[in-house]
C-alpha atoms as a PDB file:
ATOM      1  CA  MET A   1      -0.181 -18.732 183.943  1.00  0.00           C
ATOM      2  CA  TYR A   2      -1.263 -16.186 186.519  1.00  0.00           C
ATOM      3  CA  LYS A   3      -4.081 -14.313 184.354  1.00  0.00           C
ATOM      4  CA  GLN A   4      -5.599 -17.657 184.089  1.00  0.00           C
ATOM      5  CA  LYS A   5      -5.286 -18.747 187.719  1.00  0.00           C
ATOM      6  CA  GLU A   6      -6.567 -15.733 189.463  1.00  0.00           C
ATOM      7  CA  PRO A   7     -10.206 -15.812 187.703  1.00  0.00           C
ATOM      8  CA  PHE A   8     -10.070 -19.755 188.118  1.00  0.00           C
ATOM      9  CA  LEU A   9      -9.726 -19.387 191.919  1.00  0.00           C
ATOM     10  CA  ILE A  10     -12.631 -16.970 192.024  1.00  0.00           C
ATOM     11  CA  PHE A  11     -14.546 -19.523 189.725  1.00  0.00           C
ATOM     12  CA  ARG A  12     -14.108 -22.257 191.681  1.00  0.00           C
ATOM     13  CA  ASN A  13     -15.366 -20.378 194.826  1.00  0.00           C
ATOM     14  CA  SER A  14     -18.197 -18.657 193.584  1.00  0.00           C
ATOM     15  CA  ASN A  15     -21.938 -20.001 192.473  1.00  0.00           C
ATOM     16  CA  ASP A  16     -22.671 -17.246 190.613  1.00  0.00           C
ATOM     17  CA  PRO A  17     -23.930 -18.106 187.161  1.00  0.00           C
ATOM     18  CA  ASN A  18     -22.721 -14.756 185.640  1.00  0.00           C
ATOM     19  CA  PHE A  19     -19.328 -14.935 186.690  1.00  0.00           C
ATOM     20  CA  THR A  20     -19.317 -18.662 185.653  1.00  0.00           C
ATOM     21  CA  LYS A  21     -20.826 -17.689 182.098  1.00  0.00           C
ATOM     22  CA  TYR A  22     -17.997 -14.844 182.058  1.00  0.00           C
ATOM     23  CA  TYR A  23     -15.133 -17.303 183.199  1.00  0.00           C
ATOM     24  CA  ASN A  24     -15.747 -19.752 180.238  1.00  0.00           C
ATOM     25  CA  ARG A  25     -16.094 -17.097 177.739  1.00  0.00           C
ATOM     26  CA  TYR A  26     -12.689 -15.346 179.188  1.00  0.00           C
ATOM     27  CA  CYS A  27     -11.173 -19.375 178.566  1.00  0.00           C
ATOM     28  CA  ARG A  28     -12.150 -19.588 175.291  1.00  0.00           C
ATOM     29  CA  ILE A  29     -10.386 -15.950 174.332  1.00  0.00           C
ATOM     30  CA  LEU A  30      -7.555 -17.222 175.727  1.00  0.00           C
ATOM     31  CA  THR A  31      -7.157 -20.247 174.215  1.00  0.00           C
ATOM     32  CA  ASN A  32      -7.297 -18.310 170.909  1.00  0.00           C
ATOM     33  CA  VAL A  33      -5.042 -15.468 171.933  1.00  0.00           C
ATOM     34  CA  ILE A  34      -2.135 -18.302 173.053  1.00  0.00           C
ATOM     35  CA  LYS A  35      -2.998 -20.050 169.733  1.00  0.00           C
ATOM     36  CA  ILE A  36      -2.196 -17.167 167.620  1.00  0.00           C
ATOM     37  CA  ALA A  37       0.857 -15.894 169.499  1.00  0.00           C
ATOM     38  CA  LYS A  38       2.018 -19.670 169.010  1.00  0.00           C
ATOM     39  CA  ASN A  39       1.647 -19.225 165.285  1.00  0.00           C
ATOM     40  CA  TYR A  40       3.224 -15.655 164.913  1.00  0.00           C
ATOM     41  CA  ASN A  41       6.285 -17.313 166.945  1.00  0.00           C
ATOM     42  CA  ASN A  42       6.211 -20.443 164.460  1.00  0.00           C
ATOM     43  CA  ILE A  43       5.931 -17.712 161.280  1.00  0.00           C
ATOM     44  CA  LEU A  44       9.083 -15.795 163.264  1.00  0.00           C
ATOM     45  CA  THR A  45      11.160 -18.584 163.973  1.00  0.00           C
ATOM     46  CA  CYS A  46      10.821 -19.773 160.138  1.00  0.00           C
ATOM     47  CA  SER A  47      11.495 -16.377 158.385  1.00  0.00           C
ATOM     48  CA  ASP A  48      14.708 -15.163 157.049  1.00  0.00           C
ATOM     49  CA  ASN A  49      13.746 -11.704 157.800  1.00  0.00           C
ATOM     50  CA  LYS A  50      12.791 -11.101 161.279  1.00  0.00           C
ATOM     51  CA  ASN A  51      12.506  -7.488 161.322  1.00  0.00           C
ATOM     52  CA  LYS A  52       9.964  -7.148 157.979  1.00  0.00           C
ATOM     53  CA  THR A  53       8.232 -10.447 159.364  1.00  0.00           C
ATOM     54  CA  THR A  54       7.704  -8.536 162.720  1.00  0.00           C
ATOM     55  CA  TRP A  55       6.456  -5.512 161.085  1.00  0.00           C
ATOM     56  CA  ASN A  56       4.272  -7.265 158.714  1.00  0.00           C
ATOM     57  CA  ILE A  57       2.865  -9.133 161.703  1.00  0.00           C
ATOM     58  CA  ILE A  58       2.430  -5.992 163.781  1.00  0.00           C
ATOM     59  CA  LYS A  59       0.497  -4.255 160.214  1.00  0.00           C
ATOM     60  CA  HIS A  60      -1.736  -7.319 159.950  1.00  0.00           C
ATOM     61  CA  THR A  61      -2.883  -7.257 163.521  1.00  0.00           C
ATOM     62  CA  SER A  62      -3.280  -3.826 164.117  1.00  0.00           C
ATOM     63  CA  TYR A  63      -4.700  -2.925 160.669  1.00  0.00           C
ATOM     64  CA  ILE A  64      -7.509  -0.081 160.706  1.00  0.00           C
ATOM     65  CA  LYS A  65     -10.258  -0.173 157.762  1.00  0.00           C
ATOM     66  CA  PRO A  66      -9.629   2.884 156.193  1.00  0.00           C
ATOM     67  CA  ASN A  67     -12.585   5.323 156.097  1.00  0.00           C
ATOM     68  CA  SER A  68     -13.986   4.664 152.551  1.00  0.00           C
ATOM     69  CA  GLN A  69     -16.469   8.192 152.730  1.00  0.00           C
ATOM     70  CA  LYS A  70     -15.942  10.417 149.198  1.00  0.00           C
ATOM     71  CA  ILE A  71     -15.506  13.743 149.167  1.00  0.00           C
ATOM     72  CA  THR A  72     -19.087  14.795 147.512  1.00  0.00           C
ATOM     73  CA  SER A  73     -18.826  18.496 147.977  1.00  0.00           C
ATOM     74  CA  ILE A  74     -16.251  21.905 148.728  1.00  0.00           C
ATOM     75  CA  ASN A  75     -16.627  25.297 150.220  1.00  0.00           C
ATOM     76  CA  VAL A  76     -15.156  27.367 147.595  1.00  0.00           C
ATOM     77  CA  ASP A  77     -15.561  31.357 148.779  1.00  0.00           C
ATOM     78  CA  CYS A  78     -17.935  30.278 151.060  1.00  0.00           C
ATOM     79  CA  ASN A  79     -20.352  28.639 148.902  1.00  0.00           C
ATOM     80  CA  ALA A  80     -20.655  24.781 148.237  1.00  0.00           C
ATOM     81  CA  SER A  81     -19.590  23.144 144.859  1.00  0.00           C
ATOM     82  CA  PHE A  82     -20.464  19.952 143.892  1.00  0.00           C
ATOM     83  CA  ASP A  83     -18.514  19.991 140.559  1.00  0.00           C
ATOM     84  CA  CYS A  84     -15.953  17.715 140.326  1.00  0.00           C
ATOM     85  CA  GLN A  85     -13.497  19.374 138.184  1.00  0.00           C
ATOM     86  CA  ILE A  86     -13.891  22.786 140.642  1.00  0.00           C
ATOM     87  CA  ILE A  87     -12.943  20.315 143.356  1.00  0.00           C
ATOM     88  CA  VAL A  88      -9.996  18.800 141.934  1.00  0.00           C
ATOM     89  CA  GLU A  89      -8.715  22.316 140.833  1.00  0.00           C
ATOM     90  CA  THR A  90      -9.123  23.551 144.399  1.00  0.00           C
ATOM     91  CA  PHE A  91      -7.257  21.250 146.124  1.00  0.00           C
ATOM     92  CA  ASN A  92      -4.206  21.282 143.145  1.00  0.00           C
ATOM     93  CA  LYS A  93      -4.513  25.019 143.641  1.00  0.00           C
ATOM     94  CA  TYR A  94      -3.991  24.761 147.325  1.00  0.00           C
ATOM     95  CA  MET A  95      -0.935  21.986 146.942  1.00  0.00           C
ATOM     96  CA  VAL A  96       0.349  23.952 144.954  1.00  0.00           C
ATOM     97  CA  SER A  97       0.616  27.231 146.885  1.00  0.00           C
ATOM     98  CA  VAL A  98       0.990  25.802 150.612  1.00  0.00           C
ATOM     99  CA  VAL A  99       4.489  25.749 150.563  1.00  0.00           C
ATOM    100  CA  GLN A 100       4.710  29.367 149.337  1.00  0.00           C
ATOM    101  CA  ASN A 101       2.246  30.871 151.641  1.00  0.00           C
ATOM    102  CA  ALA A 102       3.622  28.789 154.732  1.00  0.00           C
ATOM    103  CA  HIS A 103       7.192  30.340 153.666  1.00  0.00           C
ATOM    104  CA  VAL A 104       5.956  33.622 153.350  1.00  0.00           C
ATOM    105  CA  ASN A 105       3.894  33.622 156.804  1.00  0.00           C
ATOM    106  CA  ASN A 106       7.075  32.308 158.275  1.00  0.00           C
ATOM    107  CA  HIS A 107       9.295  35.185 156.958  1.00  0.00           C
ATOM    108  CA  ASN A 108       6.557  37.900 158.025  1.00  0.00           C
ATOM    109  CA  ALA A 109       6.174  36.158 161.613  1.00  0.00           C
ATOM    110  CA  ASN A 110      10.079  35.726 161.920  1.00  0.00           C
ATOM    111  CA  PRO A 111      11.812  38.758 160.146  1.00  0.00           C
ATOM    112  CA  PRO A 112      15.441  38.073 159.168  1.00  0.00           C
ATOM    113  CA  SER A 113      17.862  39.236 162.032  1.00  0.00           C
ATOM    114  CA  ASN A 114      21.174  41.403 161.601  1.00  0.00           C
ATOM    115  CA  HIS A 115      22.705  38.173 161.994  1.00  0.00           C
ATOM    116  CA  GLY A 116      21.501  36.591 159.036  1.00  0.00           C
ATOM    117  CA  ASN A 117      19.360  33.310 158.048  1.00  0.00           C
ATOM    118  CA  THR A 118      18.945  30.389 160.321  1.00  0.00           C
ATOM    119  CA  ILE A 119      21.119  28.313 157.833  1.00  0.00           C
ATOM    120  CA  THR A 120      23.902  30.710 158.489  1.00  0.00           C
ATOM    121  CA  ASN A 121      23.619  30.938 162.231  1.00  0.00           C
ATOM    122  CA  LEU A 122      23.572  27.113 161.979  1.00  0.00           C
ATOM    123  CA  LEU A 123      27.156  27.033 159.886  1.00  0.00           C
ATOM    124  CA  LYS A 124      28.503  29.387 162.671  1.00  0.00           C
ATOM    125  CA  LEU A 125      28.166  27.089 165.328  1.00  0.00           C
ATOM    126  CA  PHE A 126      30.642  24.446 163.517  1.00  0.00           C
ATOM    127  CA  ASN A 127      34.220  25.154 164.315  1.00  0.00           C
ATOM    128  CA  GLN A 128      35.258  22.814 161.865  1.00  0.00           C
ATOM    129  CA  PRO A 129      34.354  22.656 158.039  1.00  0.00           C
ATOM    130  CA  PHE A 130      32.532  19.931 156.971  1.00  0.00           C
ATOM    131  CA  PRO A 131      34.221  16.864 155.558  1.00  0.00           C
ATOM    132  CA  THR A 132      33.972  16.608 151.797  1.00  0.00           C
ATOM    133  CA  ILE A 133      32.279  13.856 150.555  1.00  0.00           C
ATOM    134  CA  ASN A 134      33.619  11.429 147.704  1.00  0.00           C
ATOM    135  CA  LEU A 135      31.395   9.534 145.876  1.00  0.00           C
ATOM    136  CA  ASN A 136      32.739   6.318 143.700  1.00  0.00           C
ATOM    137  CA  GLY A 137      31.357   5.863 140.423  1.00  0.00           C
ATOM    138  CA  VAL A 138      29.534   2.893 139.362  1.00  0.00           C
ATOM    139  CA  SER A 139      29.501   0.103 136.792  1.00  0.00           C
ATOM    140  CA  SER A 140      27.443  -1.437 134.250  1.00  0.00           C
ATOM    141  CA  LYS A 141      27.172  -4.717 136.587  1.00  0.00           C
ATOM    142  CA  GLU A 142      26.008  -2.806 139.391  1.00  0.00           C
ATOM    143  CA  ILE A 143      23.595  -0.849 137.152  1.00  0.00           C
ATOM    144  CA  GLU A 144      22.633  -4.597 136.060  1.00  0.00           C
ATOM    145  CA  ASP A 145      22.384  -6.012 139.485  1.00  0.00           C
ATOM    146  CA  ILE A 146      20.149  -2.966 140.484  1.00  0.00           C
ATOM    147  CA  THR A 147      17.952  -3.499 138.129  1.00  0.00           C
ATOM    148  CA  LYS A 148      17.408  -7.293 138.272  1.00  0.00           C
ATOM    149  CA  SER A 149      16.373  -6.533 142.029  1.00  0.00           C
ATOM    150  CA  LEU A 150      13.329  -4.337 141.004  1.00  0.00           C
ATOM    151  CA  LYS A 151       9.961  -6.117 141.023  1.00  0.00           C
ATOM    152  CA  ILE A 152       8.305  -6.807 137.501  1.00  0.00           C
ATOM    153  CA  LYS A 153       5.694  -4.358 137.312  1.00  0.00           C
ATOM    154  CA  ASN A 154       3.757  -2.192 134.473  1.00  0.00           C
ATOM    155  CA  SER A 155       3.648   0.711 136.393  1.00  0.00           C
ATOM    156  CA  HIS A 156       5.495   3.728 134.980  1.00  0.00           C
ATOM    157  CA  GLY A 157       6.664   7.240 135.013  1.00  0.00           C
ATOM    158  CA  TYR A 158       6.276   9.945 132.659  1.00  0.00           C
ATOM    159  CA  ASP A 159       8.831   8.219 130.228  1.00  0.00           C
ATOM    160  CA  GLY A 160       6.355   4.992 129.711  1.00  0.00           C
ATOM    161  CA  ILE A 161       9.413   2.642 130.613  1.00  0.00           C
ATOM    162  CA  THR A 162       8.122   0.086 132.648  1.00  0.00           C
ATOM    163  CA  THR A 163      10.739  -2.560 134.557  1.00  0.00           C
ATOM    164  CA  LYS A 164       9.225  -5.292 132.679  1.00  0.00           C
ATOM    165  CA  LEU A 165      10.445  -3.507 129.226  1.00  0.00           C
ATOM    166  CA  SER A 166      13.720  -2.576 130.455  1.00  0.00           C
ATOM    167  CA  SER A 167      14.709  -5.466 132.487  1.00  0.00           C
ATOM    168  CA  PRO A 168      15.242  -7.931 129.285  1.00  0.00           C
ATOM    169  CA  ILE A 169      17.412  -5.214 127.560  1.00  0.00           C
ATOM    170  CA  MET A 170      19.334  -3.877 130.548  1.00  0.00           C
ATOM    171  CA  HIS A 171      22.350  -5.670 129.018  1.00  0.00           C
ATOM    172  CA  TYR A 172      22.228  -3.632 126.131  1.00  0.00           C
ATOM    173  CA  ILE A 173      21.692  -0.114 127.494  1.00  0.00           C
ATOM    174  CA  SER A 174      24.017  -0.672 130.999  1.00  0.00           C
ATOM    175  CA  SER A 175      26.513   1.185 129.259  1.00  0.00           C
ATOM    176  CA  PRO A 176      24.614   4.537 128.733  1.00  0.00           C
ATOM    177  CA  GLN A 177      23.247   4.489 131.856  1.00  0.00           C
ATOM    178  CA  THR A 178      26.227   4.088 133.784  1.00  0.00           C
ATOM    179  CA  TYR A 179      27.906   6.850 131.883  1.00  0.00           C
ATOM    180  CA  ILE A 180      25.001   8.784 132.901  1.00  0.00           C
ATOM    181  CA  CYS A 181      24.925   7.957 136.712  1.00  0.00           C
ATOM    182  CA  ASN A 182      29.118   8.674 136.757  1.00  0.00           C
ATOM    183  CA  ARG A 183      28.274  12.037 134.825  1.00  0.00           C
ATOM    184  CA  MET A 184      26.092  12.584 137.855  1.00  0.00           C
ATOM    185  CA  LEU A 185      28.198  11.959 140.590  1.00  0.00           C
ATOM    186  CA  SER A 186      31.093  13.526 139.506  1.00  0.00           C
ATOM    187  CA  SER A 187      29.481  16.854 138.335  1.00  0.00           C
ATOM    188  CA  GLY A 188      26.936  16.907 141.306  1.00  0.00           C
ATOM    189  CA  ILE A 189      24.210  17.972 138.742  1.00  0.00           C
ATOM    190  CA  PHE A 190      20.823  15.752 138.349  1.00  0.00           C
ATOM    191  CA  PRO A 191      19.697  15.901 134.852  1.00  0.00           C
ATOM    192  CA  THR A 192      15.975  17.884 135.002  1.00  0.00           C
ATOM    193  CA  ARG A 193      14.489  15.565 132.872  1.00  0.00           C
ATOM    194  CA  LEU A 194      14.859  12.904 135.491  1.00  0.00           C
ATOM    195  CA  LYS A 195      13.243  15.317 137.728  1.00  0.00           C
ATOM    196  CA  PHE A 196       9.814  15.041 136.422  1.00  0.00           C
ATOM    197  CA  PRO A 197       7.154  13.182 138.409  1.00  0.00           C
ATOM    198  CA  GLU A 198       4.059  12.025 137.250  1.00  0.00           C
ATOM    199  CA  VAL A 199       1.137  13.465 140.015  1.00  0.00           C
ATOM    200  CA  LYS A 200      -2.163  11.835 139.559  1.00  0.00           C
ATOM    201  CA  PRO A 201      -4.498  13.036 142.331  1.00  0.00           C
ATOM    202  CA  ILE A 202      -7.203  10.401 143.365  1.00  0.00           C
ATOM    203  CA  PHE A 203     -10.606  12.385 143.656  1.00  0.00           C
END
């Protein structure tokens, strides 16, 4: 109320038409802000998941339209190239080598000391050994419940299996999946075939 009262007192004691125009516009904006705030408050009050609703409101109110400018050329060896294939291959080459180059640069800038590498030095800081992590096995029901909780979509990985396909038949394939999960937990080995991602660069 104080924020509205202060301009009102100035408006009441002023004959300036410009300030009158400013004050009327100020009141309209303030009214809209209060109306929107009450609306968000009602949404939060009726929400079952207030944290998620709060973040949705924040994202909605602070949304910034993404830059739609497209890349049409790239400098390769000091020469501008407009070929889409060359642009994609240049980005791919950079992404593949960036981690290795960073590791080499860091190694050259900070050569290993006589005390060993960084991880060894950090481990020496602990007087007590790390506690053993025990992972309990999973049941077929847990696998089925997790699958049912996933959204039904047509998107898939390299294997081509979608949740739309797997959900109806999960009751029949949950046993082998449970066996695979429990083998991973007991052996500490993640199957190589499950490490394959499907990367699709967007030009």
